[in-house]
Amino acid sequence: MLTIKIPEIETFDDETNSFKVYKERSIRLEHSLVSISKWESLLEKPFISKSKADKKTDADVLEYIRCMTITQNVPSLYYSYIPEEEMDRISNYIEAPMTATTFANLKSSGHGDIITSEIIYYWMVTYNIPMECQKWHLNRLLTLINVCNVKNQPKNKMSRAELIQRNRQINEARKKKLNTEG
């Protein structure tokens, strides 16, 4: 979870010909599968995509921040006044791995570039991951899914040469143990 601060906002109301002041506000955000699901429901496009056609506009980003918000009753006006430093913090938070787990020699997932929230929910069901994990930081959830995928892979079969070498070693050990020549 990330908490950002939006400084006091002063606006001018043309109708009343007066200034209105909105107090400084802290907003709590959560980058999770729940947030992505809300965003995809509203915009009807995938959140996770490498396609240039699916590049997020500034309006898309602000809408995602609204979907990430877990603080109750935040007026829409505040989202237009998020300081640049806070936008950087939000971006860093979204990109953070949120885990110490790393993977070596990852192969392509074979799922293409488009991963929707439904695909992630499918993976959760497939690997029996509890639904409360949908509120985890998304990168941590994806790491858990990746761990499940790696651990569920079948063991690599030996090549013919490796099999011959292993059998040769087993036979040599037996001959030595039984004190025979073959």
C-alpha atoms as a PDB file:
ATOM      1  CA  MET A   1       0.000   0.000   0.000  1.00  0.00           C
ATOM      2  CA  LEU A   2       1.163   3.521  -0.764  1.00  0.00           C
ATOM      3  CA  THR A   3       0.025   6.769   0.830  1.00  0.00           C
ATOM      4  CA  ILE A   4       0.348   9.964  -1.191  1.00  0.00           C
ATOM      5  CA  LYS A   5      -0.273  13.560  -0.140  1.00  0.00           C
ATOM      6  CA  ILE A   6      -2.049  16.125  -2.223  1.00  0.00           C
ATOM      7  CA  PRO A   7      -1.395  19.678  -1.045  1.00  0.00           C
ATOM      8  CA  GLU A   8      -4.071  22.224  -0.328  1.00  0.00           C
ATOM      9  CA  ILE A   9      -5.951  23.256  -3.465  1.00  0.00           C
ATOM     10  CA  GLU A  10      -7.378  26.709  -4.126  1.00  0.00           C
ATOM     11  CA  THR A  11      -9.866  27.088  -6.978  1.00  0.00           C
ATOM     12  CA  PHE A  12     -11.968  29.943  -8.261  1.00  0.00           C
ATOM     13  CA  ASP A  13     -15.728  29.442  -8.634  1.00  0.00           C
ATOM     14  CA  ASP A  14     -17.025  31.589 -11.526  1.00  0.00           C
ATOM     15  CA  GLU A  15     -20.642  31.239 -10.411  1.00  0.00           C
ATOM     16  CA  THR A  16     -20.090  32.585  -6.902  1.00  0.00           C
ATOM     17  CA  ASN A  17     -17.138  34.754  -7.912  1.00  0.00           C
ATOM     18  CA  SER A  18     -15.162  33.443  -4.953  1.00  0.00           C
ATOM     19  CA  PHE A  19     -12.243  31.205  -4.097  1.00  0.00           C
ATOM     20  CA  LYS A  20     -12.719  27.771  -2.626  1.00  0.00           C
ATOM     21  CA  VAL A  21     -10.024  26.015  -0.612  1.00  0.00           C
ATOM     22  CA  TYR A  22      -9.696  22.232  -0.388  1.00  0.00           C
ATOM     23  CA  LYS A  23      -7.561  20.985   2.507  1.00  0.00           C
ATOM     24  CA  GLU A  24      -4.443  18.884   2.075  1.00  0.00           C
ATOM     25  CA  ARG A  25      -5.428  15.242   1.689  1.00  0.00           C
ATOM     26  CA  SER A  26      -3.715  11.896   2.119  1.00  0.00           C
ATOM     27  CA  ILE A  27      -4.856   9.131  -0.182  1.00  0.00           C
ATOM     28  CA  ARG A  28      -4.042   5.427   0.238  1.00  0.00           C
ATOM     29  CA  LEU A  29      -3.459   3.430  -2.947  1.00  0.00           C
ATOM     30  CA  GLU A  30      -3.167  -0.270  -3.636  1.00  0.00           C
ATOM     31  CA  HIS A  31      -1.775  -1.725  -6.893  1.00  0.00           C
ATOM     32  CA  SER A  32      -3.562  -5.060  -6.999  1.00  0.00           C
ATOM     33  CA  LEU A  33      -5.542  -7.406  -9.192  1.00  0.00           C
ATOM     34  CA  VAL A  34      -8.709  -5.829  -7.787  1.00  0.00           C
ATOM     35  CA  SER A  35      -7.557  -2.390  -9.011  1.00  0.00           C
ATOM     36  CA  ILE A  36      -6.703  -3.706 -12.459  1.00  0.00           C
ATOM     37  CA  SER A  37     -10.033  -5.502 -12.692  1.00  0.00           C
ATOM     38  CA  LYS A  38     -11.900  -2.262 -11.894  1.00  0.00           C
ATOM     39  CA  TRP A  39      -9.839  -0.327 -14.457  1.00  0.00           C
ATOM     40  CA  GLU A  40     -10.353  -2.934 -17.209  1.00  0.00           C
ATOM     41  CA  SER A  41     -14.096  -2.955 -16.480  1.00  0.00           C
ATOM     42  CA  LEU A  42     -14.249   0.801 -16.982  1.00  0.00           C
ATOM     43  CA  LEU A  43     -11.928   1.176 -19.978  1.00  0.00           C
ATOM     44  CA  GLU A  44     -12.520  -2.227 -21.586  1.00  0.00           C
ATOM     45  CA  LYS A  45      -8.882  -2.698 -22.552  1.00  0.00           C
ATOM     46  CA  PRO A  46      -6.041  -4.725 -21.054  1.00  0.00           C
ATOM     47  CA  PHE A  47      -3.917  -3.089 -18.370  1.00  0.00           C
ATOM     48  CA  ILE A  48      -0.884  -5.341 -18.919  1.00  0.00           C
ATOM     49  CA  SER A  49       0.177  -5.046 -22.527  1.00  0.00           C
ATOM     50  CA  LYS A  50       3.362  -4.422 -24.483  1.00  0.00           C
ATOM     51  CA  SER A  51       1.395  -3.296 -27.521  1.00  0.00           C
ATOM     52  CA  LYS A  52       1.890   0.340 -28.521  1.00  0.00           C
ATOM     53  CA  ALA A  53      -1.812   0.467 -29.376  1.00  0.00           C
ATOM     54  CA  ASP A  54      -2.591  -0.130 -25.693  1.00  0.00           C
ATOM     55  CA  LYS A  55      -0.328   2.670 -24.429  1.00  0.00           C
ATOM     56  CA  LYS A  56      -1.961   4.458 -21.513  1.00  0.00           C
ATOM     57  CA  THR A  57      -2.906   8.115 -21.854  1.00  0.00           C
ATOM     58  CA  ASP A  58      -2.651  10.570 -18.954  1.00  0.00           C
ATOM     59  CA  ALA A  59      -6.409  10.168 -18.475  1.00  0.00           C
ATOM     60  CA  ASP A  60      -5.970   6.363 -18.345  1.00  0.00           C
ATOM     61  CA  VAL A  61      -3.288   6.737 -15.670  1.00  0.00           C
ATOM     62  CA  LEU A  62      -5.471   9.036 -13.556  1.00  0.00           C
ATOM     63  CA  GLU A  63      -8.361   6.588 -13.909  1.00  0.00           C
ATOM     64  CA  TYR A  64      -6.095   3.791 -12.714  1.00  0.00           C
ATOM     65  CA  ILE A  65      -5.068   5.863  -9.696  1.00  0.00           C
ATOM     66  CA  ARG A  66      -8.783   6.283  -8.913  1.00  0.00           C
ATOM     67  CA  CYS A  67      -9.198   2.500  -9.182  1.00  0.00           C
ATOM     68  CA  MET A  68      -6.207   1.995  -6.864  1.00  0.00           C
ATOM     69  CA  THR A  69      -7.691   4.313  -4.218  1.00  0.00           C
ATOM     70  CA  ILE A  70      -8.807   2.609  -1.029  1.00  0.00           C
ATOM     71  CA  THR A  71      -9.428   5.856   0.867  1.00  0.00           C
ATOM     72  CA  GLN A  72     -13.156   6.554   1.008  1.00  0.00           C
ATOM     73  CA  ASN A  73     -14.887   9.635  -0.475  1.00  0.00           C
ATOM     74  CA  VAL A  74     -12.042  11.328  -2.339  1.00  0.00           C
ATOM     75  CA  PRO A  75     -13.413  14.177  -4.499  1.00  0.00           C
ATOM     76  CA  SER A  76     -12.417  13.830  -8.178  1.00  0.00           C
ATOM     77  CA  LEU A  77     -10.795  17.257  -8.117  1.00  0.00           C
ATOM     78  CA  TYR A  78      -7.873  15.927  -6.055  1.00  0.00           C
ATOM     79  CA  TYR A  79      -6.707  13.572  -8.797  1.00  0.00           C
ATOM     80  CA  SER A  80      -6.050  16.499 -11.131  1.00  0.00           C
ATOM     81  CA  TYR A  81      -3.711  18.050  -8.569  1.00  0.00           C
ATOM     82  CA  ILE A  82      -1.432  15.127  -7.747  1.00  0.00           C
ATOM     83  CA  PRO A  83       2.100  16.613  -7.624  1.00  0.00           C
ATOM     84  CA  GLU A  84       4.734  15.288 -10.034  1.00  0.00           C
ATOM     85  CA  GLU A  85       6.821  13.877  -7.147  1.00  0.00           C
ATOM     86  CA  GLU A  86       3.824  11.847  -6.004  1.00  0.00           C
ATOM     87  CA  MET A  87       3.194  10.631  -9.566  1.00  0.00           C
ATOM     88  CA  ASP A  88       6.825   9.421  -9.597  1.00  0.00           C
ATOM     89  CA  ARG A  89       6.273   7.635  -6.269  1.00  0.00           C
ATOM     90  CA  ILE A  90       3.131   5.984  -7.673  1.00  0.00           C
ATOM     91  CA  SER A  91       5.020   4.851 -10.766  1.00  0.00           C
ATOM     92  CA  ASN A  92       7.884   3.452  -8.650  1.00  0.00           C
ATOM     93  CA  TYR A  93       5.372   1.672  -6.412  1.00  0.00           C
ATOM     94  CA  ILE A  94       3.648   0.059  -9.392  1.00  0.00           C
ATOM     95  CA  GLU A  95       6.986  -1.099 -10.835  1.00  0.00           C
ATOM     96  CA  ALA A  96       8.416  -2.378  -7.513  1.00  0.00           C
ATOM     97  CA  PRO A  97       8.838  -6.168  -7.358  1.00  0.00           C
ATOM     98  CA  MET A  98       7.597  -6.376  -3.727  1.00  0.00           C
ATOM     99  CA  THR A  99       9.403  -9.700  -3.288  1.00  0.00           C
ATOM    100  CA  ALA A 100      12.900 -11.088  -2.865  1.00  0.00           C
ATOM    101  CA  THR A 101      12.184 -13.924  -5.292  1.00  0.00           C
ATOM    102  CA  THR A 102      14.084 -13.824  -8.563  1.00  0.00           C
ATOM    103  CA  PHE A 103      14.087 -16.127 -11.568  1.00  0.00           C
ATOM    104  CA  ALA A 104      16.986 -17.194 -13.747  1.00  0.00           C
ATOM    105  CA  ASN A 105      16.626 -18.104 -17.405  1.00  0.00           C
ATOM    106  CA  LEU A 106      12.946 -17.305 -17.702  1.00  0.00           C
ATOM    107  CA  LYS A 107      11.439 -18.478 -20.954  1.00  0.00           C
ATOM    108  CA  SER A 108       8.588 -16.669 -22.643  1.00  0.00           C
ATOM    109  CA  SER A 109       5.308 -17.416 -20.906  1.00  0.00           C
ATOM    110  CA  GLY A 110       3.662 -18.262 -24.211  1.00  0.00           C
ATOM    111  CA  HIS A 111       0.709 -16.098 -23.275  1.00  0.00           C
ATOM    112  CA  GLY A 112       1.513 -13.287 -25.706  1.00  0.00           C
ATOM    113  CA  ASP A 113       1.672  -9.648 -24.710  1.00  0.00           C
ATOM    114  CA  ILE A 114      -1.900  -9.237 -23.489  1.00  0.00           C
ATOM    115  CA  ILE A 115      -2.724 -10.406 -19.989  1.00  0.00           C
ATOM    116  CA  THR A 116      -6.128  -9.401 -18.649  1.00  0.00           C
ATOM    117  CA  SER A 117      -7.379  -9.628 -15.090  1.00  0.00           C
ATOM    118  CA  GLU A 118      -9.445 -12.672 -16.072  1.00  0.00           C
ATOM    119  CA  ILE A 119      -6.280 -14.482 -17.202  1.00  0.00           C
ATOM    120  CA  ILE A 120      -4.670 -13.748 -13.829  1.00  0.00           C
ATOM    121  CA  TYR A 121      -7.788 -14.942 -12.002  1.00  0.00           C
ATOM    122  CA  TYR A 122      -7.650 -18.106 -14.131  1.00  0.00           C
ATOM    123  CA  TRP A 123      -4.033 -18.686 -13.053  1.00  0.00           C
ATOM    124  CA  MET A 124      -5.062 -18.168  -9.426  1.00  0.00           C
ATOM    125  CA  VAL A 125      -7.801 -20.795  -9.756  1.00  0.00           C
ATOM    126  CA  THR A 126      -5.504 -23.184 -11.652  1.00  0.00           C
ATOM    127  CA  TYR A 127      -2.836 -23.025  -8.935  1.00  0.00           C
ATOM    128  CA  ASN A 128      -5.359 -22.933  -6.046  1.00  0.00           C
ATOM    129  CA  ILE A 129      -4.131 -19.514  -4.922  1.00  0.00           C
ATOM    130  CA  PRO A 130      -6.550 -18.098  -2.321  1.00  0.00           C
ATOM    131  CA  MET A 131      -8.738 -15.236  -3.539  1.00  0.00           C
ATOM    132  CA  GLU A 132      -7.525 -12.938  -0.757  1.00  0.00           C
ATOM    133  CA  CYS A 133      -4.259 -12.744  -2.741  1.00  0.00           C
ATOM    134  CA  GLN A 134      -6.094 -10.601  -5.296  1.00  0.00           C
ATOM    135  CA  LYS A 135      -5.417  -7.692  -2.919  1.00  0.00           C
ATOM    136  CA  TRP A 136      -1.661  -8.269  -2.871  1.00  0.00           C
ATOM    137  CA  HIS A 137       0.628  -5.964  -4.794  1.00  0.00           C
ATOM    138  CA  LEU A 138       0.229  -7.182  -8.372  1.00  0.00           C
ATOM    139  CA  ASN A 139       3.932  -7.881  -8.928  1.00  0.00           C
ATOM    140  CA  ARG A 140       4.030 -10.066  -5.817  1.00  0.00           C
ATOM    141  CA  LEU A 141       0.977 -12.004  -7.015  1.00  0.00           C
ATOM    142  CA  LEU A 142       2.502 -12.486 -10.471  1.00  0.00           C
ATOM    143  CA  THR A 143       5.719 -13.729  -8.833  1.00  0.00           C
ATOM    144  CA  LEU A 144       3.721 -16.296  -6.826  1.00  0.00           C
ATOM    145  CA  ILE A 145       1.993 -17.430 -10.029  1.00  0.00           C
ATOM    146  CA  ASN A 146       5.390 -17.727 -11.711  1.00  0.00           C
ATOM    147  CA  VAL A 147       6.736 -19.773  -8.775  1.00  0.00           C
ATOM    148  CA  CYS A 148       3.718 -22.105  -9.046  1.00  0.00           C
ATOM    149  CA  ASN A 149       4.336 -22.435 -12.770  1.00  0.00           C
ATOM    150  CA  VAL A 150       8.034 -23.254 -12.322  1.00  0.00           C
ATOM    151  CA  LYS A 151       7.391 -25.736  -9.494  1.00  0.00           C
ATOM    152  CA  ASN A 152       4.685 -27.487 -11.530  1.00  0.00           C
ATOM    153  CA  GLN A 153       6.878 -28.016 -14.599  1.00  0.00           C
ATOM    154  CA  PRO A 154       7.742 -31.649 -15.332  1.00  0.00           C
ATOM    155  CA  LYS A 155      11.315 -32.653 -14.603  1.00  0.00           C
ATOM    156  CA  ASN A 156      13.594 -32.341 -17.618  1.00  0.00           C
ATOM    157  CA  LYS A 157      14.241 -35.671 -19.320  1.00  0.00           C
ATOM    158  CA  MET A 158      17.823 -36.780 -19.711  1.00  0.00           C
ATOM    159  CA  SER A 159      19.327 -36.702 -23.131  1.00  0.00           C
ATOM    160  CA  ARG A 160      20.423 -40.002 -24.653  1.00  0.00           C
ATOM    161  CA  ALA A 161      24.079 -39.207 -23.916  1.00  0.00           C
ATOM    162  CA  GLU A 162      23.285 -38.313 -20.280  1.00  0.00           C
ATOM    163  CA  LEU A 163      21.306 -41.550 -19.865  1.00  0.00           C
ATOM    164  CA  ILE A 164      24.172 -43.641 -21.276  1.00  0.00           C
ATOM    165  CA  GLN A 165      26.673 -41.847 -18.998  1.00  0.00           C
ATOM    166  CA  ARG A 166      24.466 -42.376 -15.907  1.00  0.00           C
ATOM    167  CA  ASN A 167      23.987 -46.076 -16.697  1.00  0.00           C
ATOM    168  CA  ARG A 168      27.728 -46.485 -17.254  1.00  0.00           C
ATOM    169  CA  GLN A 169      28.411 -44.967 -13.795  1.00  0.00           C
ATOM    170  CA  ILE A 170      25.790 -47.204 -12.151  1.00  0.00           C
ATOM    171  CA  ASN A 171      27.285 -50.314 -13.837  1.00  0.00           C
ATOM    172  CA  GLU A 172      30.831 -49.364 -12.800  1.00  0.00           C
ATOM    173  CA  ALA A 173      29.682 -48.859  -9.193  1.00  0.00           C
ATOM    174  CA  ARG A 174      27.940 -52.281  -9.184  1.00  0.00           C
ATOM    175  CA  LYS A 175      30.987 -54.045 -10.661  1.00  0.00           C
ATOM    176  CA  LYS A 176      33.202 -52.468  -8.016  1.00  0.00           C
ATOM    177  CA  LYS A 177      30.787 -53.317  -5.197  1.00  0.00           C
ATOM    178  CA  LEU A 178      30.365 -56.940  -6.356  1.00  0.00           C
ATOM    179  CA  ASN A 179      34.027 -57.254  -7.293  1.00  0.00           C
ATOM    180  CA  THR A 180      33.246 -58.499 -10.816  1.00  0.00           C
ATOM    181  CA  GLU A 181      34.307 -57.568 -14.336  1.00  0.00           C
ATOM    182  CA  GLY A 182      30.919 -57.567 -15.962  1.00  0.00           C
END
